[in-house]
Amino acid sequence: MSALLSGEPNLRPLNVDDLPELMEIEHRAYPYPWTIGIFRDCLRVGYCCWCLEAAGHIDGYGVMSVAVGEAHILNLTVRPEMQRQGIGARLMEHFIHVARRHGARVVMLEVRPSNTAAVNLYYKLGFNEMGVRPNYYPADKGREDALLLALELT
């Protein structure tokens, strides 16, 4: 039986038809969500855009750029009611594999220090803190710094 028919999670590339569902998830997951235009641009320029879906619904997705030996995770989002079920880890492991296939030597990302679940996941996967980007994210009271994390691929 296929994964789609059985309801088992399936990794697949994102496409333009997924944008309405992505926007619904973005608006529920973040106070400052990406716009539909950002997603369209990422698809248009050929970034690595993948989702994990089950039972006909997207449970999580991500966007990664790869250039000059560096991969950069630009977005990694899990449907709020599906968080802490291993979806983010499965997506990250997939992106690490894709980065290796594209010849990247390092995977980098920014994360809010206040997003402790994500920070802990990235450390568990072997990422290390490379620095801090001051005032990187919009926040309720001004701006929030970002931790810059990197994973060396060998």
Protein backbone atom coordinates (compact mmCIF):
# COMPACT_ATOMS: atom_id res chain seq x y z
CA MET A 1 0.00 0.00 0.00
CA SER A 2 1.36 3.45 -0.81
CA ALA A 3 2.27 5.87 1.95
CA LEU A 4 -0.39 8.29 0.74
CA LEU A 5 -3.15 5.71 0.98
CA SER A 6 -2.04 4.31 4.34
CA GLY A 7 -1.63 7.69 6.03
CA GLU A 8 2.06 7.03 6.77
CA PRO A 9 4.28 10.13 6.65
CA ASN A 10 5.71 10.87 3.22
CA LEU A 11 8.52 13.32 2.37
CA ARG A 12 7.97 15.14 -0.91
CA PRO A 13 8.92 18.39 -2.65
CA LEU A 14 6.61 21.35 -2.10
CA ASN A 15 4.77 22.90 -5.01
CA VAL A 16 2.64 25.98 -5.65
CA ASP A 17 -0.55 24.04 -4.91
CA ASP A 18 0.67 23.61 -1.31
CA LEU A 19 0.83 27.35 -0.62
CA PRO A 20 -2.69 27.77 0.87
CA GLU A 21 -2.03 25.00 3.42
CA LEU A 22 1.45 26.39 4.19
CA MET A 23 -0.02 29.83 4.84
CA GLU A 24 -2.62 28.38 7.20
CA ILE A 25 0.15 26.61 9.16
CA GLU A 26 2.49 29.65 9.11
CA HIS A 27 -0.20 31.93 10.55
CA ARG A 28 -0.94 29.48 13.36
CA ALA A 29 2.72 28.67 14.10
CA TYR A 30 4.24 32.17 14.17
CA PRO A 31 3.30 35.68 15.27
CA TYR A 32 5.42 36.95 12.33
CA PRO A 33 4.84 34.42 9.52
CA TRP A 34 6.44 34.28 6.11
CA THR A 35 4.31 35.73 3.31
CA ILE A 36 2.98 33.74 0.39
CA GLY A 37 5.29 35.83 -1.82
CA ILE A 38 8.36 34.60 0.04
CA PHE A 39 7.31 30.98 -0.49
CA ARG A 40 6.56 31.64 -4.16
CA ASP A 41 9.99 33.19 -4.64
CA CYS A 42 11.70 30.23 -2.93
CA LEU A 43 9.91 27.80 -5.24
CA ARG A 44 10.60 29.98 -8.30
CA VAL A 45 14.36 30.22 -7.72
CA GLY A 46 14.69 26.50 -7.04
CA TYR A 47 15.43 26.36 -3.33
CA CYS A 48 15.08 22.95 -1.71
CA CYS A 49 11.46 23.04 -0.51
CA TRP A 50 10.15 19.87 1.14
CA CYS A 51 7.25 18.78 3.28
CA LEU A 52 6.26 15.82 5.38
CA GLU A 53 2.65 14.89 4.82
CA ALA A 54 0.40 12.20 6.22
CA ALA A 55 -3.23 11.37 5.52
CA GLY A 56 -3.35 14.08 2.86
CA HIS A 57 -2.23 16.91 5.18
CA ILE A 58 1.11 18.67 5.51
CA ASP A 59 2.46 18.18 9.04
CA GLY A 60 5.72 20.06 8.53
CA TYR A 61 7.83 21.74 5.87
CA GLY A 62 11.07 23.50 5.28
CA VAL A 63 13.06 25.61 2.85
CA MET A 64 16.82 25.41 2.31
CA SER A 65 19.17 27.21 -0.05
CA VAL A 66 22.43 25.64 -1.16
CA ALA A 67 25.26 27.59 -2.79
CA VAL A 68 29.05 27.59 -2.80
CA GLY A 69 29.35 24.65 -0.42
CA GLU A 70 26.94 26.07 2.16
CA ALA A 71 23.38 25.04 2.93
CA HIS A 72 21.15 27.45 4.82
CA ILE A 73 17.90 26.38 6.46
CA LEU A 74 15.60 29.34 5.86
CA ASN A 75 12.38 27.94 7.31
CA LEU A 76 11.48 24.81 9.24
CA THR A 77 7.93 24.64 10.52
CA VAL A 78 5.79 21.95 12.10
CA ARG A 79 2.01 22.21 12.35
CA PRO A 80 1.44 23.39 15.98
CA GLU A 81 -0.70 20.40 17.01
CA MET A 82 1.92 18.00 15.57
CA GLN A 83 4.96 19.45 17.36
CA ARG A 84 7.16 17.28 19.59
CA GLN A 85 6.40 14.14 17.58
CA GLY A 86 9.68 13.89 15.66
CA ILE A 87 8.52 15.71 12.52
CA GLY A 88 11.05 18.52 12.86
CA ALA A 89 13.86 16.01 13.40
CA ARG A 90 12.82 13.97 10.39
CA LEU A 91 12.71 17.08 8.19
CA MET A 92 16.11 18.28 9.45
CA GLU A 93 17.68 14.87 8.84
CA HIS A 94 16.27 14.98 5.31
CA PHE A 95 17.65 18.47 4.70
CA ILE A 96 21.07 17.39 5.98
CA HIS A 97 20.97 14.48 3.51
CA VAL A 98 19.92 16.82 0.67
CA ALA A 99 22.69 19.28 1.61
CA ARG A 100 25.27 16.48 1.36
CA ARG A 101 23.87 15.42 -2.03
CA HIS A 102 24.33 19.03 -3.22
CA GLY A 103 27.95 19.05 -2.05
CA ALA A 104 27.50 21.35 0.94
CA ARG A 105 30.24 21.28 3.56
CA VAL A 106 28.16 23.02 6.23
CA VAL A 107 24.48 23.52 7.11
CA MET A 108 23.64 26.80 8.83
CA LEU A 109 20.50 28.25 10.38
CA GLU A 110 19.22 30.96 12.67
CA VAL A 111 16.91 30.21 15.60
CA ARG A 112 15.29 32.27 18.30
CA PRO A 113 16.95 31.55 21.67
CA SER A 114 13.44 31.57 23.16
CA ASN A 115 12.50 28.59 20.92
CA THR A 116 14.06 26.10 23.32
CA ALA A 117 12.49 23.03 21.68
CA ALA A 118 14.09 23.93 18.33
CA VAL A 119 17.42 24.90 19.92
CA ASN A 120 17.54 21.55 21.76
CA LEU A 121 16.69 19.65 18.55
CA TYR A 122 19.49 21.37 16.62
CA TYR A 123 22.04 20.67 19.37
CA LYS A 124 20.88 17.02 19.48
CA LEU A 125 21.49 16.80 15.71
CA GLY A 126 25.06 18.06 16.18
CA PHE A 127 24.74 21.77 15.42
CA ASN A 128 27.08 24.17 17.24
CA GLU A 129 26.65 27.84 18.05
CA MET A 130 28.72 30.02 15.74
CA GLY A 131 27.52 33.39 16.96
CA VAL A 132 24.58 35.70 17.57
CA ARG A 133 22.80 37.92 15.07
CA PRO A 134 21.59 40.91 17.11
CA ASN A 135 18.02 42.14 16.60
CA TYR A 136 17.36 39.53 13.91
CA TYR A 137 13.72 38.59 14.56
CA PRO A 138 10.69 40.83 15.07
CA ALA A 139 9.25 40.44 18.57
CA ASP A 140 6.39 41.83 20.63
CA LYS A 141 8.77 44.22 22.37
CA GLY A 142 11.13 45.29 19.60
CA ARG A 143 13.52 42.66 18.23
CA GLU A 144 14.98 39.34 19.35
CA ASP A 145 18.50 38.11 18.67
CA ALA A 146 19.09 34.92 16.67
CA LEU A 147 21.52 32.17 17.47
CA LEU A 148 23.57 31.28 14.40
CA LEU A 149 24.10 27.51 14.41
CA ALA A 150 26.16 25.37 12.05
CA LEU A 151 26.65 21.68 11.38
CA GLU A 152 29.89 20.65 9.65
CA LEU A 153 29.24 17.88 7.11
CA THR A 154 32.00 15.30 6.76
